[in-house]
Amino acid sequence: ETAAHEMGHQLGLFHTTETGGTVFDILNDTAECLNS
């Protein structure tokens, strides 16, 4: 999973939800997990 994840970054994919749950990727169809 880690190798696949890092490969995703290398090819242009961001984290769907970042650490703090306040910033997200630029794609419209990925789920967001809000800190709030």
PDB file of all heavy atoms in Angstrom:
ATOM      1  N   GLU A   1       0.833  -1.207   0.000  1.00  0.00           N
ATOM      2  CA  GLU A   1       0.000   0.000   0.000  1.00  0.00           C
ATOM      3  C   GLU A   1       0.866   1.255   0.000  1.00  0.00           C
ATOM      4  O   GLU A   1       0.554   2.235  -0.696  1.00  0.00           O
ATOM      5  CB  GLU A   1      -0.921  -0.005   1.215  1.00  0.00           C
ATOM      6  CG  GLU A   1      -2.031  -1.043   1.148  1.00  0.00           C
ATOM      7  CD  GLU A   1      -2.891  -1.062   2.401  1.00  0.00           C
ATOM      8  OE1 GLU A   1      -2.757  -0.146   3.241  1.00  0.00           O
ATOM      9  OE2 GLU A   1      -3.698  -2.007   2.562  1.00  0.00           O
ATOM     10  N   THR A   2       1.942   1.250   0.774  1.00  0.00           N
ATOM     11  CA  THR A   2       2.819   2.421   0.818  1.00  0.00           C
ATOM     12  C   THR A   2       3.465   2.662  -0.537  1.00  0.00           C
ATOM     13  O   THR A   2       3.516   3.805  -1.026  1.00  0.00           O
ATOM     14  CB  THR A   2       3.909   2.243   1.893  1.00  0.00           C
ATOM     15  OG1 THR A   2       3.295   2.188   3.174  1.00  0.00           O
ATOM     16  CG2 THR A   2       4.891   3.400   1.869  1.00  0.00           C
ATOM     17  N   ALA A   3       3.977   1.606  -1.157  1.00  0.00           N
ATOM     18  CA  ALA A   3       4.601   1.757  -2.475  1.00  0.00           C
ATOM     19  C   ALA A   3       3.598   2.288  -3.489  1.00  0.00           C
ATOM     20  O   ALA A   3       3.918   3.172  -4.298  1.00  0.00           O
ATOM     21  CB  ALA A   3       5.174   0.416  -2.940  1.00  0.00           C
ATOM     22  N   ALA A   4       2.371   1.782  -3.444  1.00  0.00           N
ATOM     23  CA  ALA A   4       1.327   2.256  -4.354  1.00  0.00           C
ATOM     24  C   ALA A   4       0.966   3.713  -4.071  1.00  0.00           C
ATOM     25  O   ALA A   4       0.728   4.505  -4.993  1.00  0.00           O
ATOM     26  CB  ALA A   4       0.090   1.364  -4.227  1.00  0.00           C
ATOM     27  N   HIS A   5       0.914   4.074  -2.797  1.00  0.00           N
ATOM     28  CA  HIS A   5       0.601   5.440  -2.364  1.00  0.00           C
ATOM     29  C   HIS A   5       1.666   6.424  -2.853  1.00  0.00           C
ATOM     30  O   HIS A   5       1.355   7.464  -3.448  1.00  0.00           O
ATOM     31  CB  HIS A   5       0.509   5.445  -0.842  1.00  0.00           C
ATOM     32  CG  HIS A   5       0.322   6.790  -0.212  1.00  0.00           C
ATOM     33  ND1 HIS A   5      -0.893   7.224   0.276  1.00  0.00           N
ATOM     34  CD2 HIS A   5       1.201   7.793   0.047  1.00  0.00           C
ATOM     35  CE1 HIS A   5      -0.759   8.431   0.797  1.00  0.00           C
ATOM     36  NE2 HIS A   5       0.508   8.806   0.676  1.00  0.00           N
ATOM     37  N   GLU A   6       2.936   6.089  -2.615  1.00  0.00           N
ATOM     38  CA  GLU A   6       4.009   6.996  -3.023  1.00  0.00           C
ATOM     39  C   GLU A   6       4.103   7.093  -4.540  1.00  0.00           C
ATOM     40  O   GLU A   6       4.404   8.157  -5.090  1.00  0.00           O
ATOM     41  CB  GLU A   6       5.340   6.541  -2.429  1.00  0.00           C
ATOM     42  CG  GLU A   6       5.383   6.537  -0.907  1.00  0.00           C
ATOM     43  CD  GLU A   6       4.996   7.858  -0.281  1.00  0.00           C
ATOM     44  OE1 GLU A   6       5.131   8.918  -0.934  1.00  0.00           O
ATOM     45  OE2 GLU A   6       4.525   7.847   0.871  1.00  0.00           O
ATOM     46  N   MET A   7       3.819   6.012  -5.225  1.00  0.00           N
ATOM     47  CA  MET A   7       3.757   6.055  -6.680  1.00  0.00           C
ATOM     48  C   MET A   7       2.646   7.004  -7.128  1.00  0.00           C
ATOM     49  O   MET A   7       2.806   7.747  -8.105  1.00  0.00           O
ATOM     50  CB  MET A   7       3.520   4.651  -7.228  1.00  0.00           C
ATOM     51  CG  MET A   7       3.322   4.600  -8.730  1.00  0.00           C
ATOM     52  SD  MET A   7       3.135   2.906  -9.318  1.00  0.00           S
ATOM     53  CE  MET A   7       2.383   3.201 -10.922  1.00  0.00           C
ATOM     54  N   GLY A   8       1.519   6.992  -6.414  1.00  0.00           N
ATOM     55  CA  GLY A   8       0.440   7.928  -6.737  1.00  0.00           C
ATOM     56  C   GLY A   8       0.898   9.366  -6.645  1.00  0.00           C
ATOM     57  O   GLY A   8       0.580  10.198  -7.505  1.00  0.00           O
ATOM     58  N   HIS A   9       1.655   9.701  -5.592  1.00  0.00           N
ATOM     59  CA  HIS A   9       2.230  11.043  -5.485  1.00  0.00           C
ATOM     60  C   HIS A   9       3.138  11.345  -6.671  1.00  0.00           C
ATOM     61  O   HIS A   9       3.061  12.419  -7.279  1.00  0.00           O
ATOM     62  CB  HIS A   9       3.050  11.174  -4.205  1.00  0.00           C
ATOM     63  CG  HIS A   9       2.242  11.304  -2.956  1.00  0.00           C
ATOM     64  ND1 HIS A   9       1.111  12.089  -2.872  1.00  0.00           N
ATOM     65  CD2 HIS A   9       2.425  10.778  -1.713  1.00  0.00           C
ATOM     66  CE1 HIS A   9       0.633  12.029  -1.646  1.00  0.00           C
ATOM     67  NE2 HIS A   9       1.400  11.241  -0.923  1.00  0.00           N
ATOM     68  N   GLN A  10       4.022  10.412  -6.982  1.00  0.00           N
ATOM     69  CA  GLN A  10       4.997  10.616  -8.050  1.00  0.00           C
ATOM     70  C   GLN A  10       4.311  10.908  -9.383  1.00  0.00           C
ATOM     71  O   GLN A  10       4.842  11.619 -10.234  1.00  0.00           O
ATOM     72  CB  GLN A  10       5.896   9.387  -8.175  1.00  0.00           C
ATOM     73  CG  GLN A  10       7.064   9.528  -9.135  1.00  0.00           C
ATOM     74  CD  GLN A  10       8.168  10.430  -8.622  1.00  0.00           C
ATOM     75  OE1 GLN A  10       8.132  10.875  -7.472  1.00  0.00           O
ATOM     76  NE2 GLN A  10       9.155  10.717  -9.450  1.00  0.00           N
ATOM     77  N   LEU A  11       3.101  10.392  -9.549  1.00  0.00           N
ATOM     78  CA  LEU A  11       2.355  10.584 -10.791  1.00  0.00           C
ATOM     79  C   LEU A  11       1.333  11.717 -10.696  1.00  0.00           C
ATOM     80  O   LEU A  11       0.591  11.952 -11.649  1.00  0.00           O
ATOM     81  CB  LEU A  11       1.660   9.277 -11.183  1.00  0.00           C
ATOM     82  CG  LEU A  11       2.605   8.108 -11.481  1.00  0.00           C
ATOM     83  CD1 LEU A  11       1.817   6.865 -11.870  1.00  0.00           C
ATOM     84  CD2 LEU A  11       3.609   8.471 -12.568  1.00  0.00           C
ATOM     85  N   GLY A  12       1.276  12.409  -9.554  1.00  0.00           N
ATOM     86  CA  GLY A  12       0.474  13.628  -9.500  1.00  0.00           C
ATOM     87  C   GLY A  12      -0.714  13.637  -8.571  1.00  0.00           C
ATOM     88  O   GLY A  12      -1.497  14.592  -8.590  1.00  0.00           O
ATOM     89  N   LEU A  13      -0.890  12.616  -7.736  1.00  0.00           N
ATOM     90  CA  LEU A  13      -2.025  12.579  -6.822  1.00  0.00           C
ATOM     91  C   LEU A  13      -1.644  13.138  -5.452  1.00  0.00           C
ATOM     92  O   LEU A  13      -0.604  12.796  -4.899  1.00  0.00           O
ATOM     93  CB  LEU A  13      -2.532  11.147  -6.645  1.00  0.00           C
ATOM     94  CG  LEU A  13      -3.090  10.451  -7.885  1.00  0.00           C
ATOM     95  CD1 LEU A  13      -3.579   9.049  -7.509  1.00  0.00           C
ATOM     96  CD2 LEU A  13      -4.210  11.256  -8.531  1.00  0.00           C
ATOM     97  N   PHE A  14      -2.503  14.000  -4.917  1.00  0.00           N
ATOM     98  CA  PHE A  14      -2.325  14.543  -3.579  1.00  0.00           C
ATOM     99  C   PHE A  14      -3.024  13.653  -2.546  1.00  0.00           C
ATOM    100  O   PHE A  14      -3.801  12.759  -2.891  1.00  0.00           O
ATOM    101  CB  PHE A  14      -2.926  15.945  -3.496  1.00  0.00           C
ATOM    102  CG  PHE A  14      -2.233  16.967  -4.351  1.00  0.00           C
ATOM    103  CD1 PHE A  14      -2.726  17.297  -5.604  1.00  0.00           C
ATOM    104  CD2 PHE A  14      -1.096  17.616  -3.897  1.00  0.00           C
ATOM    105  CE1 PHE A  14      -2.104  18.249  -6.391  1.00  0.00           C
ATOM    106  CE2 PHE A  14      -0.460  18.571  -4.672  1.00  0.00           C
ATOM    107  CZ  PHE A  14      -0.962  18.886  -5.928  1.00  0.00           C
ATOM    108  N   HIS A  15      -2.769  13.917  -1.284  1.00  0.00           N
ATOM    109  CA  HIS A  15      -3.565  13.293  -0.229  1.00  0.00           C
ATOM    110  C   HIS A  15      -5.010  13.754  -0.359  1.00  0.00           C
ATOM    111  O   HIS A  15      -5.272  14.942  -0.560  1.00  0.00           O
ATOM    112  CB  HIS A  15      -3.036  13.684   1.151  1.00  0.00           C
ATOM    113  CG  HIS A  15      -1.726  13.056   1.495  1.00  0.00           C
ATOM    114  ND1 HIS A  15      -0.868  13.584   2.430  1.00  0.00           N
ATOM    115  CD2 HIS A  15      -1.126  11.918   1.041  1.00  0.00           C
ATOM    116  CE1 HIS A  15       0.210  12.822   2.535  1.00  0.00           C
ATOM    117  NE2 HIS A  15       0.075  11.807   1.703  1.00  0.00           N
ATOM    118  N   THR A  16      -5.931  12.824  -0.216  1.00  0.00           N
ATOM    119  CA  THR A  16      -7.343  13.196  -0.309  1.00  0.00           C
ATOM    120  C   THR A  16      -7.741  14.125   0.834  1.00  0.00           C
ATOM    121  O   THR A  16      -8.454  15.109   0.646  1.00  0.00           O
ATOM    122  CB  THR A  16      -8.226  11.947  -0.279  1.00  0.00           C
ATOM    123  OG1 THR A  16      -7.869  11.155   0.869  1.00  0.00           O
ATOM    124  CG2 THR A  16      -8.023  11.115  -1.535  1.00  0.00           C
ATOM    125  N   THR A  17      -7.305  13.801   2.038  1.00  0.00           N
ATOM    126  CA  THR A  17      -7.479  14.649   3.223  1.00  0.00           C
ATOM    127  C   THR A  17      -6.117  14.789   3.866  1.00  0.00           C
ATOM    128  O   THR A  17      -5.405  13.809   4.043  1.00  0.00           O
ATOM    129  CB  THR A  17      -8.466  14.022   4.223  1.00  0.00           C
ATOM    130  OG1 THR A  17      -9.776  14.017   3.657  1.00  0.00           O
ATOM    131  CG2 THR A  17      -8.491  14.808   5.531  1.00  0.00           C
ATOM    132  N   GLU A  18      -5.751  16.020   4.209  1.00  0.00           N
ATOM    133  CA  GLU A  18      -4.471  16.240   4.869  1.00  0.00           C
ATOM    134  C   GLU A  18      -4.589  16.013   6.373  1.00  0.00           C
ATOM    135  O   GLU A  18      -5.691  15.865   6.914  1.00  0.00           O
ATOM    136  CB  GLU A  18      -3.950  17.646   4.567  1.00  0.00           C
ATOM    137  CG  GLU A  18      -3.050  17.713   3.364  1.00  0.00           C
ATOM    138  CD  GLU A  18      -1.881  16.756   3.481  1.00  0.00           C
ATOM    139  OE1 GLU A  18      -1.364  16.513   4.599  1.00  0.00           O
ATOM    140  OE2 GLU A  18      -1.474  16.223   2.438  1.00  0.00           O
ATOM    141  N   THR A  19      -3.454  16.033   7.041  1.00  0.00           N
ATOM    142  CA  THR A  19      -3.347  15.680   8.455  1.00  0.00           C
ATOM    143  C   THR A  19      -4.421  16.301   9.327  1.00  0.00           C
ATOM    144  O   THR A  19      -5.083  15.626  10.108  1.00  0.00           O
ATOM    145  CB  THR A  19      -1.969  16.114   8.996  1.00  0.00           C
ATOM    146  OG1 THR A  19      -0.951  15.670   8.105  1.00  0.00           O
ATOM    147  CG2 THR A  19      -1.737  15.545  10.387  1.00  0.00           C
ATOM    148  N   GLY A  20      -4.595  17.608   9.205  1.00  0.00           N
ATOM    149  CA  GLY A  20      -5.490  18.332  10.106  1.00  0.00           C
ATOM    150  C   GLY A  20      -6.949  18.322   9.722  1.00  0.00           C
ATOM    151  O   GLY A  20      -7.788  18.854  10.457  1.00  0.00           O
ATOM    152  N   GLY A  21      -7.295  17.748   8.579  1.00  0.00           N
ATOM    153  CA  GLY A  21      -8.690  17.688   8.167  1.00  0.00           C
ATOM    154  C   GLY A  21      -9.271  19.025   7.752  1.00  0.00           C
ATOM    155  O   GLY A  21     -10.493  19.229   7.841  1.00  0.00           O
ATOM    156  N   THR A  22      -8.416  19.925   7.275  1.00  0.00           N
ATOM    157  CA  THR A  22      -8.891  21.229   6.813  1.00  0.00           C
ATOM    158  C   THR A  22      -8.512  21.516   5.368  1.00  0.00           C
ATOM    159  O   THR A  22      -9.005  22.475   4.780  1.00  0.00           O
ATOM    160  CB  THR A  22      -8.352  22.370   7.696  1.00  0.00           C
ATOM    161  OG1 THR A  22      -6.917  22.344   7.675  1.00  0.00           O
ATOM    162  CG2 THR A  22      -8.849  22.227   9.126  1.00  0.00           C
ATOM    163  N   VAL A  23      -7.631  20.715   4.800  1.00  0.00           N
ATOM    164  CA  VAL A  23      -7.251  20.883   3.399  1.00  0.00           C
ATOM    165  C   VAL A  23      -7.368  19.546   2.684  1.00  0.00           C
ATOM    166  O   VAL A  23      -7.145  18.480   3.276  1.00  0.00           O
ATOM    167  CB  VAL A  23      -5.830  21.459   3.256  1.00  0.00           C
ATOM    168  CG1 VAL A  23      -5.784  22.900   3.715  1.00  0.00           C
ATOM    169  CG2 VAL A  23      -4.818  20.617   4.020  1.00  0.00           C
ATOM    170  N   PHE A  24      -7.714  19.624   1.386  1.00  0.00           N
ATOM    171  CA  PHE A  24      -8.072  18.416   0.646  1.00  0.00           C
ATOM    172  C   PHE A  24      -7.503  18.495  -0.757  1.00  0.00           C
ATOM    173  O   PHE A  24      -6.946  19.514  -1.167  1.00  0.00           O
ATOM    174  CB  PHE A  24      -9.598  18.263   0.611  1.00  0.00           C
ATOM    175  CG  PHE A  24     -10.238  18.431   1.962  1.00  0.00           C
ATOM    176  CD1 PHE A  24     -10.777  19.658   2.343  1.00  0.00           C
ATOM    177  CD2 PHE A  24     -10.257  17.391   2.880  1.00  0.00           C
ATOM    178  CE1 PHE A  24     -11.337  19.838   3.602  1.00  0.00           C
ATOM    179  CE2 PHE A  24     -10.805  17.559   4.139  1.00  0.00           C
ATOM    180  CZ  PHE A  24     -11.352  18.784   4.507  1.00  0.00           C
ATOM    181  N   ASP A  25      -7.637  17.417  -1.509  1.00  0.00           N
ATOM    182  CA  ASP A  25      -7.091  17.428  -2.859  1.00  0.00           C
ATOM    183  C   ASP A  25      -7.970  18.248  -3.801  1.00  0.00           C
ATOM    184  O   ASP A  25      -8.995  18.795  -3.390  1.00  0.00           O
ATOM    185  CB  ASP A  25      -6.871  15.998  -3.379  1.00  0.00           C
ATOM    186  CG  ASP A  25      -8.155  15.236  -3.651  1.00  0.00           C
ATOM    187  OD1 ASP A  25      -9.236  15.848  -3.711  1.00  0.00           O
ATOM    188  OD2 ASP A  25      -8.082  13.999  -3.800  1.00  0.00           O
ATOM    189  N   ILE A  26      -7.560  18.341  -5.062  1.00  0.00           N
ATOM    190  CA  ILE A  26      -8.268  19.196  -6.019  1.00  0.00           C
ATOM    191  C   ILE A  26      -9.318  18.428  -6.824  1.00  0.00           C
ATOM    192  O   ILE A  26      -9.926  18.992  -7.730  1.00  0.00           O
ATOM    193  CB  ILE A  26      -7.294  19.892  -6.981  1.00  0.00           C
ATOM    194  CG1 ILE A  26      -6.506  18.869  -7.797  1.00  0.00           C
ATOM    195  CG2 ILE A  26      -6.352  20.799  -6.211  1.00  0.00           C
ATOM    196  CD1 ILE A  26      -5.633  19.488  -8.886  1.00  0.00           C
ATOM    197  N   LEU A  27      -9.505  17.168  -6.510  1.00  0.00           N
ATOM    198  CA  LEU A  27     -10.438  16.350  -7.274  1.00  0.00           C
ATOM    199  C   LEU A  27     -11.831  16.421  -6.669  1.00  0.00           C
ATOM    200  O   LEU A  27     -11.987  16.417  -5.446  1.00  0.00           O
ATOM    201  CB  LEU A  27      -9.943  14.906  -7.317  1.00  0.00           C
ATOM    202  CG  LEU A  27      -8.527  14.735  -7.877  1.00  0.00           C
ATOM    203  CD1 LEU A  27      -8.092  13.279  -7.801  1.00  0.00           C
ATOM    204  CD2 LEU A  27      -8.438  15.251  -9.308  1.00  0.00           C
ATOM    205  N   ASN A  28     -12.835  16.456  -7.525  1.00  0.00           N
ATOM    206  CA  ASN A  28     -14.201  16.674  -7.072  1.00  0.00           C
ATOM    207  C   ASN A  28     -14.911  15.424  -6.577  1.00  0.00           C
ATOM    208  O   ASN A  28     -15.996  15.520  -5.998  1.00  0.00           O
ATOM    209  CB  ASN A  28     -15.032  17.304  -8.204  1.00  0.00           C
ATOM    210  CG  ASN A  28     -14.552  18.687  -8.565  1.00  0.00           C
ATOM    211  OD1 ASN A  28     -14.126  19.446  -7.703  1.00  0.00           O
ATOM    212  ND2 ASN A  28     -14.609  19.021  -9.851  1.00  0.00           N
ATOM    213  N   ASP A  29     -14.308  14.259  -6.811  1.00  0.00           N
ATOM    214  CA  ASP A  29     -15.037  13.035  -6.467  1.00  0.00           C
ATOM    215  C   ASP A  29     -14.386  12.228  -5.352  1.00  0.00           C
ATOM    216  O   ASP A  29     -14.730  11.066  -5.151  1.00  0.00           O
ATOM    217  CB  ASP A  29     -15.219  12.166  -7.710  1.00  0.00           C
ATOM    218  CG  ASP A  29     -13.909  11.555  -8.205  1.00  0.00           C
ATOM    219  OD1 ASP A  29     -12.833  12.070  -7.818  1.00  0.00           O
ATOM    220  OD2 ASP A  29     -13.955  10.575  -8.973  1.00  0.00           O
ATOM    221  N   THR A  30     -13.433  12.815  -4.628  1.00  0.00           N
ATOM    222  CA  THR A  30     -12.826  12.110  -3.501  1.00  0.00           C
ATOM    223  C   THR A  30     -13.428  12.605  -2.191  1.00  0.00           C
ATOM    224  O   THR A  30     -13.721  13.794  -2.037  1.00  0.00           O
ATOM    225  CB  THR A  30     -11.299  12.307  -3.477  1.00  0.00           C
ATOM    226  OG1 THR A  30     -10.993  13.703  -3.565  1.00  0.00           O
ATOM    227  CG2 THR A  30     -10.642  11.582  -4.636  1.00  0.00           C
ATOM    228  N   ALA A  31     -13.596  11.686  -1.262  1.00  0.00           N
ATOM    229  CA  ALA A  31     -14.235  12.026   0.013  1.00  0.00           C
ATOM    230  C   ALA A  31     -13.341  12.943   0.840  1.00  0.00           C
ATOM    231  O   ALA A  31     -12.115  12.830   0.821  1.00  0.00           O
ATOM    232  CB  ALA A  31     -14.534  10.753   0.794  1.00  0.00           C
ATOM    233  N   GLU A  32     -13.983  13.851   1.577  1.00  0.00           N
ATOM    234  CA  GLU A  32     -13.273  14.749   2.486  1.00  0.00           C
ATOM    235  C   GLU A  32     -13.642  14.393   3.922  1.00  0.00           C
ATOM    236  O   GLU A  32     -14.803  14.158   4.233  1.00  0.00           O
ATOM    237  CB  GLU A  32     -13.653  16.206   2.202  1.00  0.00           C
ATOM    238  CG  GLU A  32     -13.263  16.684   0.820  1.00  0.00           C
ATOM    239  CD  GLU A  32     -13.695  18.119   0.565  1.00  0.00           C
ATOM    240  OE1 GLU A  32     -14.414  18.688   1.420  1.00  0.00           O
ATOM    241  OE2 GLU A  32     -13.318  18.672  -0.486  1.00  0.00           O
ATOM    242  N   CYS A  33     -12.646  14.353   4.782  1.00  0.00           N
ATOM    243  CA  CYS A  33     -12.883  14.069   6.200  1.00  0.00           C
ATOM    244  C   CYS A  33     -12.575  15.331   6.993  1.00  0.00           C
ATOM    245  O   CYS A  33     -11.410  15.683   7.209  1.00  0.00           O
ATOM    246  CB  CYS A  33     -11.995  12.903   6.646  1.00  0.00           C
ATOM    247  SG  CYS A  33     -12.369  12.316   8.313  1.00  0.00           S
ATOM    248  N   LEU A  34     -13.606  16.032   7.400  1.00  0.00           N
ATOM    249  CA  LEU A  34     -13.466  17.347   8.008  1.00  0.00           C
ATOM    250  C   LEU A  34     -13.150  17.272   9.496  1.00  0.00           C
ATOM    251  O   LEU A  34     -13.787  16.517  10.241  1.00  0.00           O
ATOM    252  CB  LEU A  34     -14.734  18.175   7.810  1.00  0.00           C
ATOM    253  CG  LEU A  34     -14.911  18.858   6.442  1.00  0.00           C
ATOM    254  CD1 LEU A  34     -15.170  17.839   5.350  1.00  0.00           C
ATOM    255  CD2 LEU A  34     -16.027  19.881   6.504  1.00  0.00           C
ATOM    256  N   ASN A  35     -12.192  18.080   9.888  1.00  0.00           N
ATOM    257  CA  ASN A  35     -11.822  18.178  11.298  1.00  0.00           C
ATOM    258  C   ASN A  35     -13.005  18.562  12.159  1.00  0.00           C
ATOM    259  O   ASN A  35     -13.165  18.077  13.278  1.00  0.00           O
ATOM    260  CB  ASN A  35     -10.693  19.205  11.446  1.00  0.00           C
ATOM    261  CG  ASN A  35     -10.335  19.499  12.880  1.00  0.00           C
ATOM    262  OD1 ASN A  35     -11.084  20.133  13.604  1.00  0.00           O
ATOM    263  ND2 ASN A  35      -9.150  19.057  13.296  1.00  0.00           N
ATOM    264  N   SER A  36     -13.870  19.414  11.633  1.00  0.00           N
ATOM    265  CA  SER A  36     -14.957  19.978  12.427  1.00  0.00           C
ATOM    266  C   SER A  36     -15.942  18.940  12.941  1.00  0.00           C
ATOM    267  O   SER A  36     -16.582  19.148  13.980  1.00  0.00           O
ATOM    268  CB  SER A  36     -15.718  21.027  11.600  1.00  0.00           C
ATOM    269  OG  SER A  36     -16.205  20.448  10.398  1.00  0.00           O
TER     270      SER A  36
END
